[in-house]
Amino acid sequence: MKYMLLINAGAVDGNGAAAECSVEDWMSYDKELKEAGIYVSGESLADLVTATTVRVGQDGGRTVTDGPFAETREVLGGFYVIDVPDLDVALDWAARNPGARGSGSVVVRPIADFGA
């Protein structure tokens, strides 16, 4: 079963970075996923300042604004898609994710299968 691990970076410092993990931590995690044979895909997202939000009103009119303007300092930093037997295994891999450390979190969601 495929699961998406949504990586929410914790509160950022004055330079826009969270200090809970290093580049080496992420490289090691990538390697572990691939060696375990469960890696499907994954990407890191560009800096939050590059985000654009689109909203469509009931009248069909669209509003485009720069950034997500979240009320929290936690931001979506990237994702992995893994293929594992069940939720328990997905949760184990999420707990190993460097993004789950400190004030960060990893949201685990099953990928919907519409029989395509």
Protein backbone atom coordinates (compact mmCIF):
# COMPACT_ATOMS: atom_id res chain seq x y z
CA MET A 1 0.00 0.00 0.00
CA LYS A 2 1.29 3.47 -0.84
CA TYR A 3 1.48 6.21 1.78
CA MET A 4 2.46 9.86 1.47
CA LEU A 5 4.64 11.30 4.22
CA LEU A 6 4.02 15.06 4.31
CA ILE A 7 6.94 16.76 6.03
CA ASN A 8 6.03 19.83 8.04
CA ALA A 9 9.07 21.79 9.11
CA GLY A 10 8.89 23.12 12.62
CA ALA A 11 9.16 26.73 13.64
CA VAL A 12 11.88 28.45 11.65
CA ASP A 13 14.69 30.61 12.95
CA GLY A 14 15.46 34.16 11.86
CA ASN A 15 17.17 32.83 8.72
CA GLY A 16 14.15 30.78 7.64
CA ALA A 17 15.61 27.42 8.66
CA ALA A 18 14.76 24.81 11.26
CA ALA A 19 17.81 23.43 13.09
CA GLU A 20 16.57 19.95 14.08
CA CYS A 21 18.36 18.05 11.27
CA SER A 22 21.18 18.33 8.76
CA VAL A 23 21.54 17.68 5.04
CA GLU A 24 23.41 14.50 5.98
CA ASP A 25 20.38 13.33 8.01
CA TRP A 26 18.17 13.69 4.92
CA MET A 27 20.69 11.94 2.66
CA SER A 28 20.89 9.05 5.11
CA TYR A 29 17.08 8.77 5.29
CA ASP A 30 16.81 8.80 1.47
CA LYS A 31 19.38 6.01 1.30
CA GLU A 32 17.56 3.92 3.93
CA LEU A 33 14.24 4.19 2.05
CA LYS A 34 15.84 3.19 -1.24
CA GLU A 35 17.83 0.31 0.27
CA ALA A 36 14.63 -0.99 1.93
CA GLY A 37 12.98 -1.04 -1.51
CA ILE A 38 10.01 1.07 -0.41
CA TYR A 39 10.87 4.42 -1.99
CA VAL A 40 8.38 5.47 -4.69
CA SER A 41 9.09 9.21 -4.96
CA GLY A 42 9.97 12.27 -2.96
CA GLU A 43 10.71 15.93 -3.37
CA SER A 44 11.77 18.87 -1.30
CA LEU A 45 9.76 22.00 -1.94
CA ALA A 46 11.31 25.35 -2.84
CA ASP A 47 11.41 28.11 -0.25
CA LEU A 48 8.07 29.26 1.14
CA VAL A 49 8.50 32.72 -0.40
CA THR A 50 8.03 31.11 -3.84
CA ALA A 51 4.52 29.85 -2.97
CA THR A 52 1.37 31.17 -4.63
CA THR A 53 -2.14 30.51 -3.33
CA VAL A 54 -5.20 30.25 -5.59
CA ARG A 55 -8.76 30.50 -4.30
CA VAL A 56 -11.92 30.28 -6.41
CA GLY A 57 -15.07 31.95 -5.10
CA GLN A 58 -18.63 30.74 -5.55
CA ASP A 59 -18.98 33.09 -8.52
CA GLY A 60 -16.07 31.31 -10.24
CA GLY A 61 -13.75 34.29 -9.82
CA ARG A 62 -10.22 33.48 -8.88
CA THR A 63 -7.98 35.24 -6.39
CA VAL A 64 -4.23 34.71 -6.56
CA THR A 65 -1.98 35.78 -3.69
CA ASP A 66 1.72 35.37 -2.94
CA GLY A 67 2.48 32.83 -0.25
CA PRO A 68 0.25 30.62 1.85
CA PHE A 69 0.01 33.15 4.70
CA ALA A 70 -0.45 30.41 7.26
CA GLU A 71 -1.23 31.39 10.83
CA THR A 72 1.52 29.05 11.97
CA ARG A 73 5.26 29.12 11.42
CA GLU A 74 5.13 25.41 10.47
CA VAL A 75 5.47 24.95 6.72
CA LEU A 76 5.14 22.04 4.30
CA GLY A 77 8.73 21.29 3.35
CA GLY A 78 8.38 18.26 1.11
CA PHE A 79 7.08 14.73 0.81
CA TYR A 80 7.91 11.10 0.27
CA VAL A 81 5.70 8.41 -1.22
CA ILE A 82 6.53 4.96 0.11
CA ASP A 83 5.09 1.53 -0.68
CA VAL A 84 4.81 -0.58 2.47
CA PRO A 85 2.55 -3.41 3.68
CA ASP A 86 0.45 -1.40 6.15
CA LEU A 87 -0.03 1.75 8.23
CA ASP A 88 2.12 0.49 11.11
CA VAL A 89 5.14 0.18 8.83
CA ALA A 90 4.43 3.62 7.33
CA LEU A 91 4.31 5.10 10.85
CA ASP A 92 7.64 3.48 11.70
CA TRP A 93 9.24 5.10 8.64
CA ALA A 94 7.60 8.44 9.46
CA ALA A 95 9.11 8.31 12.94
CA ARG A 96 12.57 7.84 11.40
CA ASN A 97 12.12 10.88 9.15
CA PRO A 98 14.39 13.77 10.19
CA GLY A 99 11.45 16.15 9.70
CA ALA A 100 9.62 14.55 12.64
CA ARG A 101 12.24 15.77 15.10
CA GLY A 102 11.85 18.67 17.49
CA SER A 103 9.01 20.96 16.50
CA GLY A 104 8.53 19.30 13.09
CA SER A 105 5.98 16.66 12.17
CA VAL A 106 5.25 14.10 9.47
CA VAL A 107 1.66 13.52 8.41
CA VAL A 108 1.00 10.01 7.05
CA ARG A 109 -1.79 9.64 4.50
CA PRO A 110 -2.71 6.61 2.39
CA ILE A 111 -2.73 7.19 -1.35
CA ALA A 112 -6.26 6.69 -2.69
CA ASP A 113 -6.59 3.84 -5.18
CA PHE A 114 -9.36 4.50 -7.69
CA GLY A 115 -8.58 1.33 -9.64
CA ALA A 116 -7.04 3.19 -12.54
